[in-house]
C-alpha atoms as a PDB file:
ATOM      1  CA  MET A   1     -10.385 -20.873  18.352  1.00  0.00           C
ATOM      2  CA  GLU A   2     -10.822 -21.792  21.399  1.00  0.00           C
ATOM      3  CA  LEU A   3      -8.266 -19.950  24.330  1.00  0.00           C
ATOM      4  CA  GLU A   4      -7.338 -23.533  25.366  1.00  0.00           C
ATOM      5  CA  THR A   5      -6.095 -24.109  22.220  1.00  0.00           C
ATOM      6  CA  LEU A   6      -4.712 -20.858  22.047  1.00  0.00           C
ATOM      7  CA  PHE A   7      -2.761 -21.572  25.249  1.00  0.00           C
ATOM      8  CA  GLN A   8      -1.723 -25.165  24.039  1.00  0.00           C
ATOM      9  CA  GLN A   9      -0.204 -23.488  21.015  1.00  0.00           C
ATOM     10  CA  VAL A  10       1.692 -21.117  23.205  1.00  0.00           C
ATOM     11  CA  GLU A  11       3.247 -24.257  25.352  1.00  0.00           C
ATOM     12  CA  GLU A  12       4.027 -25.950  21.825  1.00  0.00           C
ATOM     13  CA  ILE A  13       6.104 -23.065  20.941  1.00  0.00           C
ATOM     14  CA  ILE A  14       7.826 -22.404  24.283  1.00  0.00           C
ATOM     15  CA  GLU A  15       8.808 -26.391  24.460  1.00  0.00           C
ATOM     16  CA  LYS A  16      10.326 -25.457  21.092  1.00  0.00           C
ATOM     17  CA  MET A  17      12.347 -23.032  21.979  1.00  0.00           C
ATOM     18  CA  GLN A  18      13.467 -24.188  25.130  1.00  0.00           C
ATOM     19  CA  GLU A  19      14.668 -27.256  23.273  1.00  0.00           C
ATOM     20  CA  GLY A  20      18.023 -25.571  22.177  1.00  0.00           C
ATOM     21  CA  GLU A  21      18.561 -27.407  19.164  1.00  0.00           C
ATOM     22  CA  VAL A  22      16.710 -24.358  17.410  1.00  0.00           C
ATOM     23  CA  SER A  23      18.343 -22.294  14.626  1.00  0.00           C
ATOM     24  CA  LEU A  24      18.466 -18.354  15.367  1.00  0.00           C
ATOM     25  CA  GLU A  25      15.850 -17.764  12.302  1.00  0.00           C
ATOM     26  CA  GLU A  26      13.869 -20.185  13.833  1.00  0.00           C
ATOM     27  CA  SER A  27      14.017 -18.827  16.988  1.00  0.00           C
ATOM     28  CA  PHE A  28      13.118 -15.138  15.886  1.00  0.00           C
ATOM     29  CA  SER A  29       9.963 -17.473  13.748  1.00  0.00           C
ATOM     30  CA  LEU A  30       8.859 -18.738  16.803  1.00  0.00           C
ATOM     31  CA  TYR A  31       9.296 -15.753  18.943  1.00  0.00           C
ATOM     32  CA  GLU A  32       6.858 -14.167  16.404  1.00  0.00           C
ATOM     33  CA  ASN A  33       4.399 -16.852  16.155  1.00  0.00           C
ATOM     34  CA  GLY A  34       4.214 -17.027  20.138  1.00  0.00           C
ATOM     35  CA  MET A  35       3.674 -13.477  20.517  1.00  0.00           C
ATOM     36  CA  LYS A  36       0.448 -13.282  17.699  1.00  0.00           C
ATOM     37  CA  THR A  37      -0.693 -16.372  19.529  1.00  0.00           C
ATOM     38  CA  LEU A  38      -0.619 -14.378  22.954  1.00  0.00           C
ATOM     39  CA  LYS A  39      -2.237 -11.289  21.416  1.00  0.00           C
ATOM     40  CA  LYS A  40      -5.186 -13.332  20.069  1.00  0.00           C
ATOM     41  CA  CYS A  41      -5.284 -15.092  23.650  1.00  0.00           C
ATOM     42  CA  ASN A  42      -5.640 -11.460  25.042  1.00  0.00           C
ATOM     43  CA  ASP A  43      -8.006 -10.338  22.295  1.00  0.00           C
ATOM     44  CA  LYS A  44     -10.363 -13.319  23.429  1.00  0.00           C
ATOM     45  CA  ILE A  45     -10.100 -12.264  27.070  1.00  0.00           C
ATOM     46  CA  GLU A  46     -10.643  -9.423  26.838  1.00  0.00           C
ATOM     47  CA  SER A  47     -13.646 -10.196  24.890  1.00  0.00           C
ATOM     48  CA  VAL A  48     -15.189 -12.288  27.192  1.00  0.00           C
ATOM     49  CA  GLU A  49     -14.521  -9.639  30.250  1.00  0.00           C
ATOM     50  CA  LYS A  50     -16.844  -7.184  27.963  1.00  0.00           C
ATOM     51  CA  LYS A  51     -19.486  -9.688  27.642  1.00  0.00           C
ATOM     52  CA  LEU A  52     -19.507 -10.050  31.537  1.00  0.00           C
ATOM     53  CA  LEU A  53     -20.032  -6.267  32.478  1.00  0.00           C
ATOM     54  CA  LYS A  54     -23.577  -5.110  32.871  1.00  0.00           C
ATOM     55  CA  MET A  55     -25.165  -1.591  33.047  1.00  0.00           C
ATOM     56  CA  ASN A  56     -26.669  -0.888  36.583  1.00  0.00           C
ATOM     57  CA  GLU A  57     -29.614   1.221  37.272  1.00  0.00           C
ATOM     58  CA  LYS A  58     -27.721   4.561  36.928  1.00  0.00           C
ATOM     59  CA  GLY A  59     -26.613   3.620  33.970  1.00  0.00           C
ATOM     60  CA  GLU A  60     -22.643   2.446  35.027  1.00  0.00           C
ATOM     61  CA  LEU A  61     -21.203  -0.445  34.105  1.00  0.00           C
ATOM     62  CA  GLU A  62     -20.028  -3.103  36.375  1.00  0.00           C
ATOM     63  CA  THR A  63     -19.043  -6.917  36.519  1.00  0.00           C
ATOM     64  CA  PHE A  64     -21.950  -9.373  36.101  1.00  0.00           C
END
């Protein structure tokens, strides 16, 4: 799943929670789904950051 899609899902969850007509149980479920989606976002960003590292002539990693 693309990062943009994950961000859109988080935005949709936030919008639903801000509506105010959500039950407490549904709020907890939305919160849990939001946190899982944010973790996926974080994992994807970390993956990209790792790909942007390169090794210099001293064998040290540096940003590309």
